[in-house]
Amino acid sequence: MATSYTKHPLSCIDQLDLLKQRGLCIDDDAKALHLLQHISYYRLSGYWYTLLEEPKVEQHFKSNASFQTAFKIYCFDRELRQLVLGEIEKIEVAVKSQMIQVLSQGFGPNWYADPARFMNHKNNHTKTLEKLLDDYKHSREDFIIAFKKTHADVPPPGWVIMEIASFGRISSLYADLRGGKSKRAIANHFGLDDSSFASWLHCIGYLRNICAHHSRFWNREFRLAPQVPQHPSKIWLQNYAATNRAYFMLSMILYFLQTINPKNTFNEKFSKLLGKYPNIDSKAMGFPVTWQSERLWSDQVMAVDWVD
């Protein structure tokens, strides 16, 4: 049964005093106060949670816990999200491109609106189509405005509407596509079967939202657990403990990059980030001790000349 919320708001100065009472070491009061004012106690609490003694519900910090340590974890997480978001952009653009090419050539420019192309048309696809057309109706992008002026009452072709489609929209479109040669061709381009590809798109869209809304990433147990690919055609993991931890999620991104940007430096960027924050425990992200010996995280496939 729900209970009433009885806590009263505290000023930042009172929050600082409370942290000290609970045993958190604060070397620089002015800096800590500034961070509480500009990041917030509640957001930072997700990063000092790991510094609490058991049982954590009693809110007592370990003897060596410091505000600076919690802030460093926060900084690592922020930089990790920025790194992930940049790579997800490449995946989103590449997936859109493949869907445009394969489905437009196979079924015409308005494939996305054809109910014959989709399963559960009156359920998932109808809703997705309504949202796509609403996005188109309200878009203020210059190329959309120009298209409407020239083709006032004509539905936009797939290559136009996909440019304003969110990751969630393209994930839904792909998931609801009827199975067949075209659906397999899109997934196979990225080295996956169509079922795993649909699962991974859904999860990457979820990751994108986490990063875009500045939510905690590094030691999270993600709500979605992506499907383990069957017979992946590119280098993949040999060892992992769970599919809903950061290690598996970051490995998915690295797997996609083998196709999209074979000369990517994601591995080096991530390793450099870990080196910048030596107190970060990679095991908290689901990384096995042997992760650096995995071919996926060590090999560099030199297939094309590409600037990262």
Protein backbone atom coordinates (compact mmCIF):
# COMPACT_ATOMS: atom_id res chain seq x y z
CA MET A 1 0.00 0.00 0.00
CA ALA A 2 1.28 3.46 -0.91
CA THR A 3 2.32 5.72 1.96
CA SER A 4 2.42 9.48 2.16
CA TYR A 5 5.69 11.22 1.33
CA THR A 6 6.82 13.08 4.44
CA LYS A 7 10.30 14.41 3.61
CA HIS A 8 10.69 18.18 3.49
CA PRO A 9 12.90 20.00 0.96
CA LEU A 10 16.33 21.05 2.20
CA SER A 11 18.47 23.97 1.12
CA CYS A 12 21.78 23.09 -0.52
CA ILE A 13 23.61 24.14 2.65
CA ASP A 14 21.42 21.79 4.70
CA GLN A 15 22.04 19.02 2.15
CA LEU A 16 25.77 19.52 2.59
CA ASP A 17 25.45 19.28 6.36
CA LEU A 18 23.35 16.12 6.02
CA LEU A 19 26.02 14.43 3.88
CA LYS A 20 28.66 15.27 6.49
CA GLN A 21 26.45 13.87 9.26
CA ARG A 22 26.17 10.63 7.30
CA GLY A 23 29.94 10.36 7.07
CA LEU A 24 30.75 11.60 3.57
CA CYS A 25 34.17 13.25 3.41
CA ILE A 26 33.98 16.71 1.84
CA ASP A 27 37.34 18.41 1.29
CA ASP A 28 36.03 21.56 -0.42
CA ASP A 29 32.72 22.87 0.92
CA ALA A 30 32.46 25.62 -1.69
CA LYS A 31 32.91 23.23 -4.60
CA ALA A 32 30.51 20.69 -3.14
CA LEU A 33 27.89 23.39 -2.57
CA HIS A 34 28.32 24.65 -6.12
CA LEU A 35 27.79 21.11 -7.50
CA LEU A 36 24.71 20.56 -5.35
CA GLN A 37 23.30 23.82 -6.69
CA HIS A 38 23.99 23.03 -10.35
CA ILE A 39 23.60 19.24 -10.57
CA SER A 40 21.22 18.53 -7.65
CA TYR A 41 21.41 16.29 -4.63
CA TYR A 42 19.03 13.72 -6.07
CA ARG A 43 20.96 13.26 -9.33
CA LEU A 44 24.29 12.98 -7.53
CA SER A 45 22.83 10.50 -5.03
CA GLY A 46 22.78 7.88 -7.79
CA TYR A 47 26.57 8.10 -7.88
CA TRP A 48 27.35 8.08 -4.17
CA TYR A 49 24.94 5.18 -3.60
CA THR A 50 27.77 2.73 -4.25
CA LEU A 51 29.75 4.44 -1.45
CA LEU A 52 27.16 3.62 1.23
CA GLU A 53 27.68 0.92 3.82
CA GLU A 54 25.33 -2.05 3.99
CA PRO A 55 22.46 -1.92 4.68
CA LYS A 56 22.31 1.05 2.32
CA VAL A 57 18.84 2.01 3.51
CA GLU A 58 20.47 3.41 6.68
CA GLN A 59 22.32 5.99 4.55
CA HIS A 60 25.73 5.74 6.27
CA PHE A 61 28.83 6.18 4.13
CA LYS A 62 31.87 3.94 4.15
CA SER A 63 34.86 5.29 6.05
CA ASN A 64 36.79 6.26 2.91
CA ALA A 65 33.82 7.66 0.94
CA SER A 66 34.24 11.18 -0.42
CA PHE A 67 32.16 13.68 -2.34
CA GLN A 68 34.98 13.98 -4.88
CA THR A 69 34.85 10.23 -5.60
CA ALA A 70 31.10 10.42 -6.26
CA PHE A 71 31.60 13.43 -8.52
CA LYS A 72 34.30 11.60 -10.51
CA ILE A 73 31.90 8.70 -11.08
CA TYR A 74 29.32 11.23 -12.26
CA CYS A 75 31.86 12.76 -14.67
CA PHE A 76 32.79 9.33 -16.05
CA ASP A 77 29.14 8.49 -16.62
CA ARG A 78 28.51 11.81 -18.37
CA GLU A 79 31.45 11.30 -20.74
CA LEU A 80 30.42 7.69 -21.38
CA ARG A 81 26.90 8.80 -22.34
CA GLN A 82 28.34 11.41 -24.70
CA LEU A 83 30.55 8.77 -26.32
CA VAL A 84 27.65 6.34 -26.71
CA LEU A 85 25.29 8.98 -28.10
CA GLY A 86 27.79 9.93 -30.80
CA GLU A 87 28.08 6.32 -31.97
CA ILE A 88 24.32 5.74 -31.84
CA GLU A 89 23.90 8.65 -34.25
CA LYS A 90 26.01 6.74 -36.80
CA ILE A 91 23.94 3.60 -36.28
CA GLU A 92 20.67 5.49 -36.68
CA VAL A 93 21.75 7.15 -39.92
CA ALA A 94 23.07 3.86 -41.35
CA VAL A 95 19.92 1.90 -40.47
CA LYS A 96 17.72 4.58 -42.04
CA SER A 97 19.84 4.47 -45.18
CA GLN A 98 19.53 0.70 -45.53
CA MET A 99 15.79 0.73 -44.94
CA ILE A 100 15.33 3.50 -47.51
CA GLN A 101 17.41 1.71 -50.14
CA VAL A 102 16.07 -1.82 -49.68
CA LEU A 103 12.41 -1.03 -49.09
CA SER A 104 12.05 1.83 -51.59
CA GLN A 105 13.62 -0.22 -54.37
CA GLY A 106 11.60 -3.29 -53.41
CA PHE A 107 8.19 -1.77 -52.78
CA GLY A 108 8.16 1.80 -54.08
CA PRO A 109 8.61 5.20 -52.44
CA ASN A 110 5.59 4.90 -50.12
CA TRP A 111 6.38 1.47 -48.69
CA TYR A 112 6.08 2.78 -45.12
CA ALA A 113 2.34 3.49 -45.64
CA ASP A 114 1.46 0.21 -47.38
CA PRO A 115 -0.45 -2.06 -44.96
CA ALA A 116 0.45 -5.10 -47.07
CA ARG A 117 4.07 -4.69 -46.02
CA PHE A 118 3.38 -4.92 -42.29
CA MET A 119 2.15 -7.38 -39.70
CA ASN A 120 -0.54 -6.31 -37.22
CA HIS A 121 -1.39 -3.39 -39.46
CA LYS A 122 -4.36 -2.28 -37.35
CA ASN A 123 -2.26 -2.24 -34.19
CA ASN A 124 1.45 -1.38 -34.19
CA HIS A 125 1.86 -0.16 -37.75
CA THR A 126 -1.24 2.03 -37.76
CA LYS A 127 -0.01 3.85 -34.64
CA THR A 128 3.51 4.23 -36.00
CA LEU A 129 2.21 5.57 -39.32
CA GLU A 130 -0.01 8.09 -37.54
CA LYS A 131 2.97 9.32 -35.53
CA LEU A 132 5.18 9.55 -38.63
CA LEU A 133 2.60 11.58 -40.54
CA ASP A 134 2.05 13.80 -37.50
CA ASP A 135 5.81 14.41 -37.30
CA TYR A 136 5.72 15.30 -41.01
CA LYS A 137 2.73 17.61 -40.56
CA HIS A 138 4.37 19.59 -37.76
CA SER A 139 7.97 19.53 -38.97
CA ARG A 140 9.67 22.90 -39.49
CA GLU A 141 12.66 21.44 -41.32
CA ASP A 142 13.49 23.46 -44.44
CA PHE A 143 13.46 20.42 -46.72
CA ILE A 144 10.01 19.39 -45.44
CA ILE A 145 8.60 22.90 -45.96
CA ALA A 146 10.04 22.94 -49.49
CA PHE A 147 8.53 19.53 -50.29
CA LYS A 148 5.09 20.60 -49.05
CA LYS A 149 5.18 23.71 -51.25
CA THR A 150 5.95 21.65 -54.34
CA HIS A 151 3.84 18.60 -53.52
CA ALA A 152 1.03 19.98 -51.35
CA ASP A 153 -1.26 16.95 -51.11
CA VAL A 154 1.17 14.16 -51.98
CA PRO A 155 2.39 11.75 -49.28
CA PRO A 156 6.14 12.15 -48.84
CA PRO A 157 8.35 9.34 -50.16
CA GLY A 158 10.15 7.12 -47.67
CA TRP A 159 13.48 8.86 -48.11
CA VAL A 160 11.90 12.17 -47.04
CA ILE A 161 9.88 10.99 -44.06
CA MET A 162 12.68 8.77 -42.74
CA GLU A 163 14.87 11.85 -42.32
CA ILE A 164 12.57 13.11 -39.57
CA ALA A 165 11.73 9.69 -38.09
CA SER A 166 12.98 9.10 -34.57
CA PHE A 167 14.97 5.98 -33.67
CA GLY A 168 11.85 4.65 -31.97
CA ARG A 169 9.82 5.08 -35.17
CA ILE A 170 12.33 3.26 -37.37
CA SER A 171 12.65 0.49 -34.78
CA SER A 172 8.87 0.03 -34.78
CA LEU A 173 8.69 0.07 -38.59
CA TYR A 174 11.35 -2.61 -38.87
CA ALA A 175 9.90 -4.80 -36.12
CA ASP A 176 6.46 -4.77 -37.75
CA LEU A 177 7.71 -5.48 -41.28
CA ARG A 178 6.50 -8.77 -42.68
CA GLY A 179 9.27 -11.34 -42.77
CA GLY A 180 10.92 -12.00 -46.09
CA LYS A 181 13.88 -11.27 -48.31
CA SER A 182 13.88 -7.50 -47.77
CA LYS A 183 13.67 -7.69 -44.00
CA ARG A 184 16.48 -10.25 -43.92
CA ALA A 185 18.60 -8.17 -46.33
CA ILE A 186 18.52 -5.14 -44.01
CA ALA A 187 19.56 -7.20 -40.98
CA ASN A 188 22.13 -9.24 -42.92
CA HIS A 189 23.82 -6.02 -44.06
CA PHE A 190 24.76 -5.48 -40.42
CA GLY A 191 25.69 -9.12 -39.84
CA LEU A 192 22.57 -10.15 -37.91
CA ASP A 193 19.46 -12.27 -38.29
CA ASP A 194 16.23 -10.26 -38.53
CA SER A 195 14.95 -11.24 -35.07
CA SER A 196 18.17 -10.17 -33.30
CA PHE A 197 18.36 -7.02 -35.43
CA ALA A 198 14.84 -5.98 -34.37
CA SER A 199 15.73 -6.63 -30.72
CA TRP A 200 18.96 -4.66 -30.96
CA LEU A 201 17.26 -1.70 -32.65
CA HIS A 202 14.72 -1.58 -29.83
CA CYS A 203 17.47 -1.67 -27.20
CA ILE A 204 19.62 0.94 -28.92
CA GLY A 205 16.63 3.26 -29.14
CA TYR A 206 16.20 2.73 -25.41
CA LEU A 207 19.90 3.49 -24.82
CA ARG A 208 19.60 6.63 -26.91
CA ASN A 209 16.79 7.89 -24.70
CA ILE A 210 18.80 7.15 -21.55
CA CYS A 211 21.76 9.12 -22.90
CA ALA A 212 19.67 11.97 -24.31
CA HIS A 213 17.88 12.43 -20.98
CA HIS A 214 21.15 12.29 -19.00
CA SER A 215 20.14 9.22 -17.01
CA ARG A 216 22.69 7.04 -15.21
CA PHE A 217 24.36 4.56 -17.58
CA TRP A 218 27.57 3.12 -16.18
CA ASN A 219 26.46 0.51 -13.60
CA ARG A 220 22.82 0.23 -14.58
CA GLU A 221 20.85 -2.98 -14.90
CA PHE A 222 18.94 -2.05 -18.04
CA ARG A 223 15.22 -2.70 -18.26
CA LEU A 224 15.62 -4.27 -21.70
CA ALA A 225 17.74 -7.34 -22.36
CA PRO A 226 18.68 -7.61 -26.05
CA GLN A 227 18.47 -10.92 -27.84
CA VAL A 228 21.64 -12.95 -28.25
CA PRO A 229 22.33 -13.13 -32.00
CA GLN A 230 22.15 -16.46 -33.77
CA HIS A 231 25.18 -17.10 -36.00
CA PRO A 232 26.45 -13.50 -36.26
CA SER A 233 28.52 -13.06 -39.41
CA LYS A 234 30.97 -10.59 -37.86
CA ILE A 235 33.24 -10.71 -34.82
CA TRP A 236 31.18 -11.13 -31.66
CA LEU A 237 31.67 -11.83 -27.95
CA GLN A 238 32.82 -15.16 -26.61
CA ASN A 239 32.22 -14.35 -22.95
CA TYR A 240 29.52 -12.33 -21.18
CA ALA A 241 27.48 -12.82 -18.03
CA ALA A 242 24.29 -10.85 -18.74
CA THR A 243 22.69 -9.09 -21.69
CA ASN A 244 21.20 -6.22 -19.69
CA ARG A 245 24.48 -4.65 -18.53
CA ALA A 246 26.63 -1.93 -20.07
CA TYR A 247 29.21 -4.43 -21.37
CA PHE A 248 26.74 -6.16 -23.66
CA MET A 249 25.18 -2.86 -24.74
CA LEU A 250 28.54 -1.29 -25.61
CA SER A 251 29.51 -4.48 -27.43
CA MET A 252 26.37 -4.18 -29.57
CA ILE A 253 27.46 -0.71 -30.62
CA LEU A 254 30.96 -1.96 -31.41
CA TYR A 255 29.45 -4.80 -33.46
CA PHE A 256 27.43 -2.36 -35.58
CA LEU A 257 30.49 -0.19 -36.12
CA GLN A 258 32.30 -3.07 -37.83
CA THR A 259 29.92 -2.46 -40.76
CA ILE A 260 29.29 1.27 -40.47
CA ASN A 261 32.82 2.44 -39.70
CA PRO A 262 35.36 -0.39 -39.89
CA LYS A 263 38.19 1.97 -38.86
CA ASN A 264 36.31 3.18 -35.78
CA THR A 265 38.21 4.04 -32.62
CA PHE A 266 35.41 3.32 -30.16
CA ASN A 267 37.54 0.72 -28.38
CA GLU A 268 40.40 3.17 -27.93
CA LYS A 269 38.09 5.96 -26.81
CA PHE A 270 36.47 3.76 -24.20
CA SER A 271 39.81 2.43 -22.92
CA LYS A 272 41.12 6.01 -22.70
CA LEU A 273 38.03 7.00 -20.72
CA LEU A 274 38.60 4.18 -18.25
CA GLY A 275 42.22 5.29 -17.91
CA LYS A 276 41.10 8.84 -17.17
CA TYR A 277 38.97 7.58 -14.26
CA PRO A 278 41.02 4.79 -12.61
CA ASN A 279 38.58 4.41 -9.71
CA ILE A 280 35.84 3.14 -12.03
CA ASP A 281 35.25 -0.59 -11.58
CA SER A 282 34.50 -2.07 -15.00
CA LYS A 283 32.99 -5.14 -13.29
CA ALA A 284 30.14 -2.88 -12.13
CA MET A 285 29.26 -2.49 -15.82
CA GLY A 286 29.25 -6.23 -16.44
CA PHE A 287 32.73 -6.36 -17.97
CA PRO A 288 34.46 -9.71 -17.42
CA VAL A 289 38.09 -9.74 -16.31
CA THR A 290 39.11 -11.00 -19.76
CA TRP A 291 37.20 -8.38 -21.79
CA GLN A 292 40.33 -6.86 -23.35
CA SER A 293 41.26 -10.22 -24.86
CA GLU A 294 37.94 -10.46 -26.73
CA ARG A 295 38.50 -10.10 -30.48
CA LEU A 296 35.60 -7.66 -30.69
CA TRP A 297 37.37 -5.33 -28.27
CA SER A 298 40.87 -5.80 -29.66
CA ASP A 299 40.67 -6.35 -33.44
CA GLN A 300 40.60 -3.46 -35.89
CA VAL A 301 38.98 -4.40 -39.18
CA MET A 302 40.54 -2.36 -41.98
CA ALA A 303 37.98 -2.77 -44.74
CA VAL A 304 37.58 0.79 -46.01
CA ASP A 305 39.26 4.13 -45.61
CA TRP A 306 37.02 6.03 -43.21
CA VAL A 307 37.56 9.02 -40.96
CA ASP A 308 36.10 8.55 -37.49
